[in-house]
Amino acid sequence: MIKERYKEEYEEGSDLLWPSDKEDNITRQFYKDLSNLSKKISFSKKKNLKLFEQVVKILKVKGWG
């Protein structure tokens, strides 16, 4: 069953507009992709930081720092 976009009206005067199944799936996929991208960026930054730390350690061992 595919839901279309629909509107709920309440006595208090507020209205809610619910997305269709297609819109909901697209939105969920967007946030999933965004989450995965942010995890990759975070991992990349940690990896670069570890490389920098190793270079600093090498320089200290060689007596340059």
C-alpha atoms as a PDB file:
ATOM      1  CA  MET A   1       0.000   0.000   0.000  1.00  0.00           C
ATOM      2  CA  ILE A   2       1.486   3.321  -1.054  1.00  0.00           C
ATOM      3  CA  LYS A   3       0.493   6.266   1.085  1.00  0.00           C
ATOM      4  CA  GLU A   4       0.009   9.606  -0.558  1.00  0.00           C
ATOM      5  CA  ARG A   5       0.690  12.879   1.204  1.00  0.00           C
ATOM      6  CA  TYR A   6      -2.120  13.727   3.559  1.00  0.00           C
ATOM      7  CA  LYS A   7      -3.094  16.403   6.037  1.00  0.00           C
ATOM      8  CA  GLU A   8      -4.379  15.947   9.581  1.00  0.00           C
ATOM      9  CA  GLU A   9      -6.438  18.711  11.092  1.00  0.00           C
ATOM     10  CA  TYR A  10      -6.893  19.065  14.832  1.00  0.00           C
ATOM     11  CA  GLU A  11      -9.531  20.870  16.852  1.00  0.00           C
ATOM     12  CA  GLU A  12      -6.916  23.177  18.382  1.00  0.00           C
ATOM     13  CA  GLY A  13      -6.327  24.624  14.921  1.00  0.00           C
ATOM     14  CA  SER A  14      -2.979  22.995  14.158  1.00  0.00           C
ATOM     15  CA  ASP A  15      -2.506  21.038  10.952  1.00  0.00           C
ATOM     16  CA  LEU A  16       0.070  18.360  10.203  1.00  0.00           C
ATOM     17  CA  LEU A  17       1.129  17.586   6.650  1.00  0.00           C
ATOM     18  CA  TRP A  18       2.462  14.033   6.409  1.00  0.00           C
ATOM     19  CA  PRO A  19       4.787  13.009   3.545  1.00  0.00           C
ATOM     20  CA  SER A  20       3.987  10.339   1.017  1.00  0.00           C
ATOM     21  CA  ASP A  21       5.860   7.019   1.165  1.00  0.00           C
ATOM     22  CA  LYS A  22       8.104   8.087  -1.716  1.00  0.00           C
ATOM     23  CA  GLU A  23       9.009  11.397  -0.030  1.00  0.00           C
ATOM     24  CA  ASP A  24       9.595   9.595   3.264  1.00  0.00           C
ATOM     25  CA  ASN A  25      11.934   7.045   1.641  1.00  0.00           C
ATOM     26  CA  ILE A  26      13.911   9.766  -0.131  1.00  0.00           C
ATOM     27  CA  THR A  27      14.260  11.764   3.099  1.00  0.00           C
ATOM     28  CA  ARG A  28      15.382   8.701   5.056  1.00  0.00           C
ATOM     29  CA  GLN A  29      17.962   7.809   2.376  1.00  0.00           C
ATOM     30  CA  PHE A  30      19.269  11.402   2.378  1.00  0.00           C
ATOM     31  CA  TYR A  31      19.843  11.377   6.142  1.00  0.00           C
ATOM     32  CA  LYS A  32      21.395   7.898   5.971  1.00  0.00           C
ATOM     33  CA  ASP A  33      23.834   9.084   3.273  1.00  0.00           C
ATOM     34  CA  LEU A  34      24.577  12.241   5.241  1.00  0.00           C
ATOM     35  CA  SER A  35      25.308  10.190   8.357  1.00  0.00           C
ATOM     36  CA  ASN A  36      27.648   7.866   6.452  1.00  0.00           C
ATOM     37  CA  LEU A  37      29.458  10.835   4.905  1.00  0.00           C
ATOM     38  CA  SER A  38      29.987  12.509   8.272  1.00  0.00           C
ATOM     39  CA  LYS A  39      31.373   9.250   9.683  1.00  0.00           C
ATOM     40  CA  LYS A  40      33.866   9.021   6.788  1.00  0.00           C
ATOM     41  CA  ILE A  41      34.956  12.637   7.278  1.00  0.00           C
ATOM     42  CA  SER A  42      35.406  12.079  11.014  1.00  0.00           C
ATOM     43  CA  PHE A  43      37.446   8.913  10.373  1.00  0.00           C
ATOM     44  CA  SER A  44      39.579  10.742   7.798  1.00  0.00           C
ATOM     45  CA  LYS A  45      40.361  13.546  10.270  1.00  0.00           C
ATOM     46  CA  LYS A  46      41.362  11.014  12.943  1.00  0.00           C
ATOM     47  CA  LYS A  47      43.580   9.192  10.443  1.00  0.00           C
ATOM     48  CA  ASN A  48      45.341  12.425   9.428  1.00  0.00           C
ATOM     49  CA  LEU A  49      45.837  13.381  13.072  1.00  0.00           C
ATOM     50  CA  LYS A  50      47.463  10.016  13.824  1.00  0.00           C
ATOM     51  CA  LEU A  51      49.798  10.465  10.848  1.00  0.00           C
ATOM     52  CA  PHE A  52      50.776  13.931  12.132  1.00  0.00           C
ATOM     53  CA  GLU A  53      51.398  12.504  15.612  1.00  0.00           C
ATOM     54  CA  GLN A  54      53.679   9.826  14.128  1.00  0.00           C
ATOM     55  CA  VAL A  55      55.679  12.434  12.208  1.00  0.00           C
ATOM     56  CA  VAL A  56      56.117  14.471  15.400  1.00  0.00           C
ATOM     57  CA  LYS A  57      57.303  11.369  17.275  1.00  0.00           C
ATOM     58  CA  ILE A  58      59.843  10.594  14.543  1.00  0.00           C
ATOM     59  CA  LEU A  59      61.151  14.157  14.641  1.00  0.00           C
ATOM     60  CA  LYS A  60      61.537  13.981  18.423  1.00  0.00           C
ATOM     61  CA  VAL A  61      63.422  10.668  18.181  1.00  0.00           C
ATOM     62  CA  LYS A  62      65.767  12.137  15.544  1.00  0.00           C
ATOM     63  CA  GLY A  63      66.438  15.064  17.863  1.00  0.00           C
ATOM     64  CA  TRP A  64      64.887  17.746  15.615  1.00  0.00           C
ATOM     65  CA  GLY A  65      62.124  18.722  17.993  1.00  0.00           C
END
